[in-house]
Amino acid sequence: ATITNGGSTNYVDSVKGRFAISRDNAKNTVHLQMNSLKPDDTAVYFC
């Protein structure tokens, strides 16, 4: 998933409806809320 500083988001099809990306521009942070996780989601996640 990606998010622009204007808030536009993009997701890979396999996580749509389950994951949500958000960011705080003032704090330079980005978050990924992952729900309904599946074994196929097992991976190293890189920011």
PDB file of all heavy atoms in Angstrom:
ATOM      1  N   ALA A   1       0.844  -1.185   0.000  1.00  0.00           N
ATOM      2  CA  ALA A   1       0.000   0.000   0.000  1.00  0.00           C
ATOM      3  C   ALA A   1       0.883   1.240   0.000  1.00  0.00           C
ATOM      4  O   ALA A   1       1.981   1.227   0.559  1.00  0.00           O
ATOM      5  CB  ALA A   1      -0.919   0.026   1.225  1.00  0.00           C
ATOM      6  N   THR A   2       0.380   2.296  -0.636  1.00  0.00           N
ATOM      7  CA  THR A   2       1.071   3.579  -0.615  1.00  0.00           C
ATOM      8  C   THR A   2       0.072   4.687  -0.324  1.00  0.00           C
ATOM      9  O   THR A   2      -1.135   4.523  -0.535  1.00  0.00           O
ATOM     10  CB  THR A   2       1.776   3.894  -1.943  1.00  0.00           C
ATOM     11  OG1 THR A   2       0.795   3.930  -2.983  1.00  0.00           O
ATOM     12  CG2 THR A   2       2.838   2.858  -2.276  1.00  0.00           C
ATOM     13  N   ILE A   3       0.607   5.804   0.149  1.00  0.00           N
ATOM     14  CA  ILE A   3      -0.221   6.968   0.424  1.00  0.00           C
ATOM     15  C   ILE A   3       0.599   8.217   0.125  1.00  0.00           C
ATOM     16  O   ILE A   3       1.769   8.304   0.503  1.00  0.00           O
ATOM     17  CB  ILE A   3      -0.738   6.958   1.887  1.00  0.00           C
ATOM     18  CG1 ILE A   3      -1.685   8.137   2.137  1.00  0.00           C
ATOM     19  CG2 ILE A   3       0.409   6.930   2.889  1.00  0.00           C
ATOM     20  CD1 ILE A   3      -2.443   8.017   3.464  1.00  0.00           C
ATOM     21  N   THR A   4      -0.012   9.154  -0.579  1.00  0.00           N
ATOM     22  CA  THR A   4       0.680  10.400  -0.886  1.00  0.00           C
ATOM     23  C   THR A   4       0.495  11.402   0.257  1.00  0.00           C
ATOM     24  O   THR A   4      -0.329  11.184   1.158  1.00  0.00           O
ATOM     25  CB  THR A   4       0.140  11.023  -2.172  1.00  0.00           C
ATOM     26  OG1 THR A   4      -1.207  11.460  -1.935  1.00  0.00           O
ATOM     27  CG2 THR A   4       0.162  10.021  -3.314  1.00  0.00           C
ATOM     28  N   ASN A   5       1.232  12.489   0.188  1.00  0.00           N
ATOM     29  CA  ASN A   5       1.073  13.490   1.249  1.00  0.00           C
ATOM     30  C   ASN A   5      -0.280  14.187   1.159  1.00  0.00           C
ATOM     31  O   ASN A   5      -0.690  14.873   2.099  1.00  0.00           O
ATOM     32  CB  ASN A   5       2.218  14.506   1.252  1.00  0.00           C
ATOM     33  CG  ASN A   5       2.436  15.144  -0.095  1.00  0.00           C
ATOM     34  OD1 ASN A   5       1.619  15.019  -0.989  1.00  0.00           O
ATOM     35  ND2 ASN A   5       3.561  15.831  -0.243  1.00  0.00           N
ATOM     36  N   GLY A   6      -0.990  13.983   0.055  1.00  0.00           N
ATOM     37  CA  GLY A   6      -2.340  14.503  -0.069  1.00  0.00           C
ATOM     38  C   GLY A   6      -3.410  13.529   0.373  1.00  0.00           C
ATOM     39  O   GLY A   6      -4.606  13.855   0.391  1.00  0.00           O
ATOM     40  N   GLY A   7      -2.988  12.315   0.721  1.00  0.00           N
ATOM     41  CA  GLY A   7      -3.927  11.323   1.235  1.00  0.00           C
ATOM     42  C   GLY A   7      -4.434  10.308   0.226  1.00  0.00           C
ATOM     43  O   GLY A   7      -5.253   9.453   0.567  1.00  0.00           O
ATOM     44  N   SER A   8      -3.964  10.363  -1.004  1.00  0.00           N
ATOM     45  CA  SER A   8      -4.384   9.372  -2.000  1.00  0.00           C
ATOM     46  C   SER A   8      -3.717   8.034  -1.699  1.00  0.00           C
ATOM     47  O   SER A   8      -2.516   7.983  -1.437  1.00  0.00           O
ATOM     48  CB  SER A   8      -4.005   9.838  -3.398  1.00  0.00           C
ATOM     49  OG  SER A   8      -4.706  11.019  -3.735  1.00  0.00           O
ATOM     50  N   THR A   9      -4.515   6.982  -1.738  1.00  0.00           N
ATOM     51  CA  THR A   9      -4.009   5.658  -1.377  1.00  0.00           C
ATOM     52  C   THR A   9      -4.073   4.686  -2.549  1.00  0.00           C
ATOM     53  O   THR A   9      -4.858   4.862  -3.484  1.00  0.00           O
ATOM     54  CB  THR A   9      -4.806   5.071  -0.205  1.00  0.00           C
ATOM     55  OG1 THR A   9      -6.192   4.986  -0.578  1.00  0.00           O
ATOM     56  CG2 THR A   9      -4.673   5.937   1.035  1.00  0.00           C
ATOM     57  N   ASN A  10      -3.236   3.660  -2.442  1.00  0.00           N
ATOM     58  CA  ASN A  10      -3.199   2.610  -3.451  1.00  0.00           C
ATOM     59  C   ASN A  10      -2.890   1.310  -2.728  1.00  0.00           C
ATOM     60  O   ASN A  10      -2.020   1.285  -1.842  1.00  0.00           O
ATOM     61  CB  ASN A  10      -2.115   2.912  -4.490  1.00  0.00           C
ATOM     62  CG  ASN A  10      -2.035   1.845  -5.553  1.00  0.00           C
ATOM     63  OD1 ASN A  10      -3.029   1.487  -6.147  1.00  0.00           O
ATOM     64  ND2 ASN A  10      -0.834   1.334  -5.794  1.00  0.00           N
ATOM     65  N   TYR A  11      -3.601   0.240  -3.099  1.00  0.00           N
ATOM     66  CA  TYR A  11      -3.420  -1.053  -2.446  1.00  0.00           C
ATOM     67  C   TYR A  11      -3.250  -2.160  -3.483  1.00  0.00           C
ATOM     68  O   TYR A  11      -3.866  -2.121  -4.548  1.00  0.00           O
ATOM     69  CB  TYR A  11      -4.633  -1.411  -1.585  1.00  0.00           C
ATOM     70  CG  TYR A  11      -4.896  -0.487  -0.427  1.00  0.00           C
ATOM     71  CD1 TYR A  11      -5.730   0.614  -0.579  1.00  0.00           C
ATOM     72  CD2 TYR A  11      -4.329  -0.723   0.822  1.00  0.00           C
ATOM     73  CE1 TYR A  11      -5.992   1.466   0.486  1.00  0.00           C
ATOM     74  CE2 TYR A  11      -4.587   0.123   1.893  1.00  0.00           C
ATOM     75  CZ  TYR A  11      -5.423   1.213   1.716  1.00  0.00           C
ATOM     76  OH  TYR A  11      -5.674   2.053   2.771  1.00  0.00           O
ATOM     77  N   VAL A  12      -2.467  -3.154  -3.139  1.00  0.00           N
ATOM     78  CA  VAL A  12      -2.442  -4.361  -3.953  1.00  0.00           C
ATOM     79  C   VAL A  12      -3.775  -5.067  -3.759  1.00  0.00           C
ATOM     80  O   VAL A  12      -4.384  -5.004  -2.678  1.00  0.00           O
ATOM     81  CB  VAL A  12      -1.249  -5.259  -3.550  1.00  0.00           C
ATOM     82  CG1 VAL A  12      -1.418  -5.827  -2.157  1.00  0.00           C
ATOM     83  CG2 VAL A  12      -1.039  -6.359  -4.566  1.00  0.00           C
ATOM     84  N   ASP A  13      -4.265  -5.717  -4.808  1.00  0.00           N
ATOM     85  CA  ASP A  13      -5.607  -6.300  -4.759  1.00  0.00           C
ATOM     86  C   ASP A  13      -5.792  -7.265  -3.588  1.00  0.00           C
ATOM     87  O   ASP A  13      -6.870  -7.334  -2.996  1.00  0.00           O
ATOM     88  CB  ASP A  13      -5.911  -7.024  -6.073  1.00  0.00           C
ATOM     89  CG  ASP A  13      -6.200  -6.071  -7.218  1.00  0.00           C
ATOM     90  OD1 ASP A  13      -6.424  -4.873  -6.964  1.00  0.00           O
ATOM     91  OD2 ASP A  13      -6.200  -6.527  -8.381  1.00  0.00           O
ATOM     92  N   SER A  14      -4.752  -8.001  -3.247  1.00  0.00           N
ATOM     93  CA  SER A  14      -4.895  -9.049  -2.238  1.00  0.00           C
ATOM     94  C   SER A  14      -5.169  -8.516  -0.833  1.00  0.00           C
ATOM     95  O   SER A  14      -5.572  -9.289   0.040  1.00  0.00           O
ATOM     96  CB  SER A  14      -3.643  -9.933  -2.214  1.00  0.00           C
ATOM     97  OG  SER A  14      -2.503  -9.168  -1.903  1.00  0.00           O
ATOM     98  N   VAL A  15      -4.962  -7.221  -0.602  1.00  0.00           N
ATOM     99  CA  VAL A  15      -5.188  -6.680   0.742  1.00  0.00           C
ATOM    100  C   VAL A  15      -6.338  -5.686   0.797  1.00  0.00           C
ATOM    101  O   VAL A  15      -6.693  -5.206   1.875  1.00  0.00           O
ATOM    102  CB  VAL A  15      -3.914  -6.019   1.311  1.00  0.00           C
ATOM    103  CG1 VAL A  15      -2.729  -6.968   1.231  1.00  0.00           C
ATOM    104  CG2 VAL A  15      -3.604  -4.700   0.627  1.00  0.00           C
ATOM    105  N   LYS A  16      -6.927  -5.400  -0.345  1.00  0.00           N
ATOM    106  CA  LYS A  16      -8.030  -4.437  -0.371  1.00  0.00           C
ATOM    107  C   LYS A  16      -9.178  -4.913   0.516  1.00  0.00           C
ATOM    108  O   LYS A  16      -9.577  -6.064   0.475  1.00  0.00           O
ATOM    109  CB  LYS A  16      -8.524  -4.239  -1.805  1.00  0.00           C
ATOM    110  CG  LYS A  16      -7.578  -3.426  -2.659  1.00  0.00           C
ATOM    111  CD  LYS A  16      -8.117  -3.256  -4.076  1.00  0.00           C
ATOM    112  CE  LYS A  16      -7.174  -2.414  -4.925  1.00  0.00           C
ATOM    113  NZ  LYS A  16      -7.648  -2.286  -6.329  1.00  0.00           N
ATOM    114  N   GLY A  17      -9.688  -4.004   1.319  1.00  0.00           N
ATOM    115  CA  GLY A  17     -10.768  -4.337   2.234  1.00  0.00           C
ATOM    116  C   GLY A  17     -10.289  -4.897   3.562  1.00  0.00           C
ATOM    117  O   GLY A  17     -11.092  -5.034   4.495  1.00  0.00           O
ATOM    118  N   ARG A  18      -9.010  -5.229   3.655  1.00  0.00           N
ATOM    119  CA  ARG A  18      -8.472  -5.789   4.906  1.00  0.00           C
ATOM    120  C   ARG A  18      -7.434  -4.871   5.549  1.00  0.00           C
ATOM    121  O   ARG A  18      -7.328  -4.816   6.765  1.00  0.00           O
ATOM    122  CB  ARG A  18      -7.830  -7.150   4.632  1.00  0.00           C
ATOM    123  CG  ARG A  18      -8.787  -8.190   4.076  1.00  0.00           C
ATOM    124  CD  ARG A  18      -8.134  -9.574   4.031  1.00  0.00           C
ATOM    125  NE  ARG A  18      -6.975  -9.633   3.156  1.00  0.00           N
ATOM    126  CZ  ARG A  18      -5.765 -10.003   3.561  1.00  0.00           C
ATOM    127  NH1 ARG A  18      -5.545 -10.340   4.823  1.00  0.00           N
ATOM    128  NH2 ARG A  18      -4.757 -10.039   2.706  1.00  0.00           N
ATOM    129  N   PHE A  19      -6.652  -4.195   4.728  1.00  0.00           N
ATOM    130  CA  PHE A  19      -5.585  -3.329   5.223  1.00  0.00           C
ATOM    131  C   PHE A  19      -5.962  -1.870   4.991  1.00  0.00           C
ATOM    132  O   PHE A  19      -6.657  -1.538   4.030  1.00  0.00           O
ATOM    133  CB  PHE A  19      -4.274  -3.597   4.499  1.00  0.00           C
ATOM    134  CG  PHE A  19      -3.631  -4.932   4.789  1.00  0.00           C
ATOM    135  CD1 PHE A  19      -4.289  -5.929   5.491  1.00  0.00           C
ATOM    136  CD2 PHE A  19      -2.330  -5.187   4.348  1.00  0.00           C
ATOM    137  CE1 PHE A  19      -3.696  -7.140   5.758  1.00  0.00           C
ATOM    138  CE2 PHE A  19      -1.725  -6.402   4.601  1.00  0.00           C
ATOM    139  CZ  PHE A  19      -2.413  -7.379   5.298  1.00  0.00           C
ATOM    140  N   ALA A  20      -5.485  -1.010   5.865  1.00  0.00           N
ATOM    141  CA  ALA A  20      -5.694   0.427   5.712  1.00  0.00           C
ATOM    142  C   ALA A  20      -4.410   1.172   6.043  1.00  0.00           C
ATOM    143  O   ALA A  20      -3.832   0.970   7.116  1.00  0.00           O
ATOM    144  CB  ALA A  20      -6.824   0.900   6.609  1.00  0.00           C
ATOM    145  N   ILE A  21      -3.986   2.017   5.111  1.00  0.00           N
ATOM    146  CA  ILE A  21      -2.776   2.813   5.318  1.00  0.00           C
ATOM    147  C   ILE A  21      -3.163   4.229   5.712  1.00  0.00           C
ATOM    148  O   ILE A  21      -4.170   4.773   5.222  1.00  0.00           O
ATOM    149  CB  ILE A  21      -1.887   2.808   4.051  1.00  0.00           C
ATOM    150  CG1 ILE A  21      -0.521   3.423   4.338  1.00  0.00           C
ATOM    151  CG2 ILE A  21      -2.589   3.492   2.879  1.00  0.00           C
ATOM    152  CD1 ILE A  21       0.478   3.223   3.202  1.00  0.00           C
ATOM    153  N   SER A  22      -2.380   4.814   6.589  1.00  0.00           N
ATOM    154  CA  SER A  22      -2.623   6.194   7.002  1.00  0.00           C
ATOM    155  C   SER A  22      -1.275   6.851   7.301  1.00  0.00           C
ATOM    156  O   SER A  22      -0.273   6.154   7.497  1.00  0.00           O
ATOM    157  CB  SER A  22      -3.527   6.249   8.238  1.00  0.00           C
ATOM    158  OG  SER A  22      -2.935   5.570   9.333  1.00  0.00           O
ATOM    159  N   ARG A  23      -1.258   8.173   7.326  1.00  0.00           N
ATOM    160  CA  ARG A  23      -0.008   8.865   7.637  1.00  0.00           C
ATOM    161  C   ARG A  23      -0.293  10.148   8.388  1.00  0.00           C
ATOM    162  O   ARG A  23      -1.391  10.717   8.297  1.00  0.00           O
ATOM    163  CB  ARG A  23       0.812   9.141   6.370  1.00  0.00           C
ATOM    164  CG  ARG A  23       0.200  10.152   5.431  1.00  0.00           C
ATOM    165  CD  ARG A  23       1.005  10.254   4.142  1.00  0.00           C
ATOM    166  NE  ARG A  23       2.237  11.018   4.314  1.00  0.00           N
ATOM    167  CZ  ARG A  23       3.137  11.204   3.345  1.00  0.00           C
ATOM    168  NH1 ARG A  23       2.931  10.664   2.151  1.00  0.00           N
ATOM    169  NH2 ARG A  23       4.223  11.909   3.558  1.00  0.00           N
ATOM    170  N   ASP A  24       0.719  10.580   9.120  1.00  0.00           N
ATOM    171  CA  ASP A  24       0.675  11.864   9.815  1.00  0.00           C
ATOM    172  C   ASP A  24       1.813  12.692   9.238  1.00  0.00           C
ATOM    173  O   ASP A  24       2.982  12.448   9.555  1.00  0.00           O
ATOM    174  CB  ASP A  24       0.833  11.642  11.319  1.00  0.00           C
ATOM    175  CG  ASP A  24       0.693  12.928  12.121  1.00  0.00           C
ATOM    176  OD1 ASP A  24       1.048  14.003  11.597  1.00  0.00           O
ATOM    177  OD2 ASP A  24       0.261  12.858  13.279  1.00  0.00           O
ATOM    178  N   ASN A  25       1.493  13.631   8.379  1.00  0.00           N
ATOM    179  CA  ASN A  25       2.534  14.400   7.702  1.00  0.00           C
ATOM    180  C   ASN A  25       3.368  15.218   8.686  1.00  0.00           C
ATOM    181  O   ASN A  25       4.578  15.384   8.502  1.00  0.00           O
ATOM    182  CB  ASN A  25       1.910  15.326   6.659  1.00  0.00           C
ATOM    183  CG  ASN A  25       1.322  14.562   5.485  1.00  0.00           C
ATOM    184  OD1 ASN A  25       1.801  13.482   5.137  1.00  0.00           O
ATOM    185  ND2 ASN A  25       0.282  15.094   4.883  1.00  0.00           N
ATOM    186  N   ALA A  26       2.733  15.722   9.716  1.00  0.00           N
ATOM    187  CA  ALA A  26       3.448  16.553  10.683  1.00  0.00           C
ATOM    188  C   ALA A  26       4.493  15.744  11.449  1.00  0.00           C
ATOM    189  O   ALA A  26       5.543  16.261  11.826  1.00  0.00           O
ATOM    190  CB  ALA A  26       2.464  17.196  11.645  1.00  0.00           C
ATOM    191  N   LYS A  27       4.190  14.475  11.681  1.00  0.00           N
ATOM    192  CA  LYS A  27       5.107  13.622  12.439  1.00  0.00           C
ATOM    193  C   LYS A  27       5.950  12.722  11.545  1.00  0.00           C
ATOM    194  O   LYS A  27       6.779  11.958  12.044  1.00  0.00           O
ATOM    195  CB  LYS A  27       4.312  12.767  13.423  1.00  0.00           C
ATOM    196  CG  LYS A  27       3.573  13.567  14.496  1.00  0.00           C
ATOM    197  CD  LYS A  27       2.826  12.652  15.448  1.00  0.00           C
ATOM    198  CE  LYS A  27       2.115  13.447  16.533  1.00  0.00           C
ATOM    199  NZ  LYS A  27       1.357  12.561  17.464  1.00  0.00           N
ATOM    200  N   ASN A  28       5.728  12.791  10.236  1.00  0.00           N
ATOM    201  CA  ASN A  28       6.465  11.934   9.289  1.00  0.00           C
ATOM    202  C   ASN A  28       6.343  10.461   9.662  1.00  0.00           C
ATOM    203  O   ASN A  28       7.338   9.726   9.717  1.00  0.00           O
ATOM    204  CB  ASN A  28       7.932  12.345   9.212  1.00  0.00           C
ATOM    205  CG  ASN A  28       8.113  13.703   8.554  1.00  0.00           C
ATOM    206  OD1 ASN A  28       7.533  13.970   7.507  1.00  0.00           O
ATOM    207  ND2 ASN A  28       8.900  14.547   9.178  1.00  0.00           N
ATOM    208  N   THR A  29       5.128  10.054   9.942  1.00  0.00           N
ATOM    209  CA  THR A  29       4.871   8.654  10.270  1.00  0.00           C
ATOM    210  C   THR A  29       3.829   8.078   9.308  1.00  0.00           C
ATOM    211  O   THR A  29       2.976   8.798   8.775  1.00  0.00           O
ATOM    212  CB  THR A  29       4.358   8.486  11.704  1.00  0.00           C
ATOM    213  OG1 THR A  29       3.175   9.295  11.878  1.00  0.00           O
ATOM    214  CG2 THR A  29       5.409   8.924  12.722  1.00  0.00           C
ATOM    215  N   VAL A  30       3.923   6.787   9.104  1.00  0.00           N
ATOM    216  CA  VAL A  30       2.952   6.073   8.289  1.00  0.00           C
ATOM    217  C   VAL A  30       2.589   4.791   9.022  1.00  0.00           C
ATOM    218  O   VAL A  30       3.439   4.183   9.685  1.00  0.00           O
ATOM    219  CB  VAL A  30       3.486   5.804   6.870  1.00  0.00           C
ATOM    220  CG1 VAL A  30       4.709   4.904   6.901  1.00  0.00           C
ATOM    221  CG2 VAL A  30       2.398   5.224   5.984  1.00  0.00           C
ATOM    222  N   HIS A  31       1.331   4.413   8.931  1.00  0.00           N
ATOM    223  CA  HIS A  31       0.839   3.241   9.636  1.00  0.00           C
ATOM    224  C   HIS A  31       0.127   2.313   8.665  1.00  0.00           C
ATOM    225  O   HIS A  31      -0.399   2.741   7.639  1.00  0.00           O
ATOM    226  CB  HIS A  31      -0.138   3.656  10.740  1.00  0.00           C
ATOM    227  CG  HIS A  31       0.403   4.697  11.654  1.00  0.00           C
ATOM    228  ND1 HIS A  31       1.285   4.412  12.678  1.00  0.00           N
ATOM    229  CD2 HIS A  31       0.216   6.042  11.691  1.00  0.00           C
ATOM    230  CE1 HIS A  31       1.609   5.523  13.300  1.00  0.00           C
ATOM    231  NE2 HIS A  31       0.980   6.526  12.727  1.00  0.00           N
ATOM    232  N   LEU A  32       0.114   1.037   9.021  1.00  0.00           N
ATOM    233  CA  LEU A  32      -0.622   0.055   8.237  1.00  0.00           C
ATOM    234  C   LEU A  32      -1.441  -0.793   9.208  1.00  0.00           C
ATOM    235  O   LEU A  32      -0.878  -1.579   9.969  1.00  0.00           O
ATOM    236  CB  LEU A  32       0.324  -0.826   7.422  1.00  0.00           C
ATOM    237  CG  LEU A  32      -0.363  -1.804   6.466  1.00  0.00           C
ATOM    238  CD1 LEU A  32      -1.045  -1.032   5.328  1.00  0.00           C
ATOM    239  CD2 LEU A  32       0.651  -2.797   5.890  1.00  0.00           C
ATOM    240  N   GLN A  33      -2.738  -0.609   9.181  1.00  0.00           N
ATOM    241  CA  GLN A  33      -3.640  -1.422   9.973  1.00  0.00           C
ATOM    242  C   GLN A  33      -4.008  -2.648   9.165  1.00  0.00           C
ATOM    243  O   GLN A  33      -4.553  -2.528   8.069  1.00  0.00           O
ATOM    244  CB  GLN A  33      -4.908  -0.638  10.342  1.00  0.00           C
ATOM    245  CG  GLN A  33      -5.920  -1.436  11.138  1.00  0.00           C
ATOM    246  CD  GLN A  33      -5.411  -1.821  12.516  1.00  0.00           C
ATOM    247  OE1 GLN A  33      -4.789  -1.005  13.209  1.00  0.00           O
ATOM    248  NE2 GLN A  33      -5.671  -3.053  12.926  1.00  0.00           N
ATOM    249  N   MET A  34      -3.684  -3.819   9.701  1.00  0.00           N
ATOM    250  CA  MET A  34      -3.903  -5.071   8.978  1.00  0.00           C
ATOM    251  C   MET A  34      -4.922  -5.907   9.739  1.00  0.00           C
ATOM    252  O   MET A  34      -4.671  -6.304  10.884  1.00  0.00           O
ATOM    253  CB  MET A  34      -2.581  -5.835   8.836  1.00  0.00           C
ATOM    254  CG  MET A  34      -1.476  -5.025   8.192  1.00  0.00           C
ATOM    255  SD  MET A  34       0.024  -5.981   7.874  1.00  0.00           S
ATOM    256  CE  MET A  34       0.527  -6.355   9.547  1.00  0.00           C
ATOM    257  N   ASN A  35      -6.041  -6.152   9.103  1.00  0.00           N
ATOM    258  CA  ASN A  35      -7.121  -6.935   9.702  1.00  0.00           C
ATOM    259  C   ASN A  35      -7.353  -8.208   8.892  1.00  0.00           C
ATOM    260  O   ASN A  35      -6.904  -8.318   7.747  1.00  0.00           O
ATOM    261  CB  ASN A  35      -8.410  -6.118   9.750  1.00  0.00           C
ATOM    262  CG  ASN A  35      -8.275  -4.855  10.571  1.00  0.00           C
ATOM    263  OD1 ASN A  35      -7.594  -4.830  11.587  1.00  0.00           O
ATOM    264  ND2 ASN A  35      -8.927  -3.790  10.126  1.00  0.00           N
ATOM    265  N   SER A  36      -8.050  -9.147   9.494  1.00  0.00           N
ATOM    266  CA  SER A  36      -8.374 -10.410   8.815  1.00  0.00           C
ATOM    267  C   SER A  36      -7.134 -11.021   8.180  1.00  0.00           C
ATOM    268  O   SER A  36      -7.140 -11.422   7.012  1.00  0.00           O
ATOM    269  CB  SER A  36      -9.459 -10.186   7.752  1.00  0.00           C
ATOM    270  OG  SER A  36     -10.627  -9.641   8.333  1.00  0.00           O
ATOM    271  N   LEU A  37      -6.074 -11.079   8.932  1.00  0.00           N
ATOM    272  CA  LEU A  37      -4.800 -11.566   8.403  1.00  0.00           C
ATOM    273  C   LEU A  37      -4.878 -13.027   8.001  1.00  0.00           C
ATOM    274  O   LEU A  37      -5.582 -13.835   8.626  1.00  0.00           O
ATOM    275  CB  LEU A  37      -3.694 -11.351   9.423  1.00  0.00           C
ATOM    276  CG  LEU A  37      -3.207  -9.908   9.512  1.00  0.00           C
ATOM    277  CD1 LEU A  37      -2.474  -9.649  10.824  1.00  0.00           C
ATOM    278  CD2 LEU A  37      -2.283  -9.597   8.335  1.00  0.00           C
ATOM    279  N   LYS A  38      -4.148 -13.352   6.944  1.00  0.00           N
ATOM    280  CA  LYS A  38      -4.097 -14.701   6.402  1.00  0.00           C
ATOM    281  C   LYS A  38      -2.665 -15.201   6.446  1.00  0.00           C
ATOM    282  O   LYS A  38      -1.722 -14.404   6.431  1.00  0.00           O
ATOM    283  CB  LYS A  38      -4.591 -14.693   4.951  1.00  0.00           C
ATOM    284  CG  LYS A  38      -5.967 -14.092   4.749  1.00  0.00           C
ATOM    285  CD  LYS A  38      -6.300 -14.025   3.266  1.00  0.00           C
ATOM    286  CE  LYS A  38      -7.677 -13.419   3.034  1.00  0.00           C
ATOM    287  NZ  LYS A  38      -7.998 -13.325   1.584  1.00  0.00           N
ATOM    288  N   PRO A  39      -2.476 -16.515   6.441  1.00  0.00           N
ATOM    289  CA  PRO A  39      -1.107 -17.047   6.393  1.00  0.00           C
ATOM    290  C   PRO A  39      -0.308 -16.504   5.202  1.00  0.00           C
ATOM    291  O   PRO A  39       0.904 -16.312   5.309  1.00  0.00           O
ATOM    292  CB  PRO A  39      -1.327 -18.552   6.293  1.00  0.00           C
ATOM    293  CG  PRO A  39      -2.617 -18.774   7.020  1.00  0.00           C
ATOM    294  CD  PRO A  39      -3.464 -17.584   6.679  1.00  0.00           C
ATOM    295  N   ASP A  40      -0.975 -16.224   4.084  1.00  0.00           N
ATOM    296  CA  ASP A  40      -0.291 -15.679   2.908  1.00  0.00           C
ATOM    297  C   ASP A  40       0.246 -14.266   3.141  1.00  0.00           C
ATOM    298  O   ASP A  40       1.036 -13.767   2.332  1.00  0.00           O
ATOM    299  CB  ASP A  40      -1.225 -15.651   1.699  1.00  0.00           C
ATOM    300  CG  ASP A  40      -1.411 -17.037   1.085  1.00  0.00           C
ATOM    301  OD1 ASP A  40      -0.669 -17.956   1.471  1.00  0.00           O
ATOM    302  OD2 ASP A  40      -2.303 -17.197   0.238  1.00  0.00           O
ATOM    303  N   ASP A  41      -0.187 -13.618   4.210  1.00  0.00           N
ATOM    304  CA  ASP A  41       0.333 -12.284   4.535  1.00  0.00           C
ATOM    305  C   ASP A  41       1.680 -12.356   5.258  1.00  0.00           C
ATOM    306  O   ASP A  41       2.306 -11.317   5.498  1.00  0.00           O
ATOM    307  CB  ASP A  41      -0.661 -11.527   5.411  1.00  0.00           C
ATOM    308  CG  ASP A  41      -1.972 -11.232   4.700  1.00  0.00           C
ATOM    309  OD1 ASP A  41      -1.926 -10.851   3.515  1.00  0.00           O
ATOM    310  OD2 ASP A  41      -3.038 -11.390   5.335  1.00  0.00           O
ATOM    311  N   THR A  42       2.118 -13.548   5.589  1.00  0.00           N
ATOM    312  CA  THR A  42       3.401 -13.716   6.269  1.00  0.00           C
ATOM    313  C   THR A  42       4.535 -13.210   5.387  1.00  0.00           C
ATOM    314  O   THR A  42       4.671 -13.629   4.238  1.00  0.00           O
ATOM    315  CB  THR A  42       3.634 -15.190   6.616  1.00  0.00           C
ATOM    316  OG1 THR A  42       2.655 -15.598   7.581  1.00  0.00           O
ATOM    317  CG2 THR A  42       5.030 -15.403   7.178  1.00  0.00           C
ATOM    318  N   ALA A  43       5.312 -12.282   5.929  1.00  0.00           N
ATOM    319  CA  ALA A  43       6.397 -11.672   5.165  1.00  0.00           C
ATOM    320  C   ALA A  43       7.144 -10.694   6.061  1.00  0.00           C
ATOM    321  O   ALA A  43       6.688 -10.364   7.162  1.00  0.00           O
ATOM    322  CB  ALA A  43       5.845 -10.930   3.947  1.00  0.00           C
ATOM    323  N   VAL A  44       8.269 -10.230   5.555  1.00  0.00           N
ATOM    324  CA  VAL A  44       8.926  -9.069   6.151  1.00  0.00           C
ATOM    325  C   VAL A  44       8.328  -7.838   5.487  1.00  0.00           C
ATOM    326  O   VAL A  44       8.299  -7.745   4.253  1.00  0.00           O
ATOM    327  CB  VAL A  44      10.445  -9.106   5.956  1.00  0.00           C
ATOM    328  CG1 VAL A  44      11.081  -7.840   6.542  1.00  0.00           C
ATOM    329  CG2 VAL A  44      11.040 -10.351   6.606  1.00  0.00           C
ATOM    330  N   TYR A  45       7.858  -6.920   6.297  1.00  0.00           N
ATOM    331  CA  TYR A  45       7.219  -5.696   5.802  1.00  0.00           C
ATOM    332  C   TYR A  45       8.203  -4.537   5.912  1.00  0.00           C
ATOM    333  O   TYR A  45       8.766  -4.292   6.989  1.00  0.00           O
ATOM    334  CB  TYR A  45       5.946  -5.407   6.589  1.00  0.00           C
ATOM    335  CG  TYR A  45       4.801  -6.303   6.199  1.00  0.00           C
ATOM    336  CD1 TYR A  45       4.816  -7.657   6.523  1.00  0.00           C
ATOM    337  CD2 TYR A  45       3.713  -5.821   5.478  1.00  0.00           C
ATOM    338  CE1 TYR A  45       3.781  -8.506   6.138  1.00  0.00           C
ATOM    339  CE2 TYR A  45       2.670  -6.649   5.098  1.00  0.00           C
ATOM    340  CZ  TYR A  45       2.716  -7.989   5.432  1.00  0.00           C
ATOM    341  OH  TYR A  45       1.675  -8.820   5.054  1.00  0.00           O
ATOM    342  N   PHE A  46       8.374  -3.846   4.804  1.00  0.00           N
ATOM    343  CA  PHE A  46       9.323  -2.742   4.716  1.00  0.00           C
ATOM    344  C   PHE A  46       8.590  -1.422   4.526  1.00  0.00           C
ATOM    345  O   PHE A  46       7.677  -1.317   3.695  1.00  0.00           O
ATOM    346  CB  PHE A  46      10.278  -2.936   3.540  1.00  0.00           C
ATOM    347  CG  PHE A  46      11.151  -4.149   3.645  1.00  0.00           C
ATOM    348  CD1 PHE A  46      10.733  -5.365   3.133  1.00  0.00           C
ATOM    349  CD2 PHE A  46      12.403  -4.081   4.254  1.00  0.00           C
ATOM    350  CE1 PHE A  46      11.545  -6.498   3.213  1.00  0.00           C
ATOM    351  CE2 PHE A  46      13.210  -5.195   4.344  1.00  0.00           C
ATOM    352  CZ  PHE A  46      12.774  -6.409   3.832  1.00  0.00           C
ATOM    353  N   CYS A  47       9.017  -0.433   5.256  1.00  0.00           N
ATOM    354  CA  CYS A  47       8.512   0.917   5.080  1.00  0.00           C
ATOM    355  C   CYS A  47       9.311   1.603   3.976  1.00  0.00           C
ATOM    356  O   CYS A  47      10.540   1.412   3.877  1.00  0.00           O
ATOM    357  CB  CYS A  47       8.653   1.684   6.391  1.00  0.00           C
ATOM    358  SG  CYS A  47       8.104   3.406   6.322  1.00  0.00           S
TER     359      CYS A  47
END
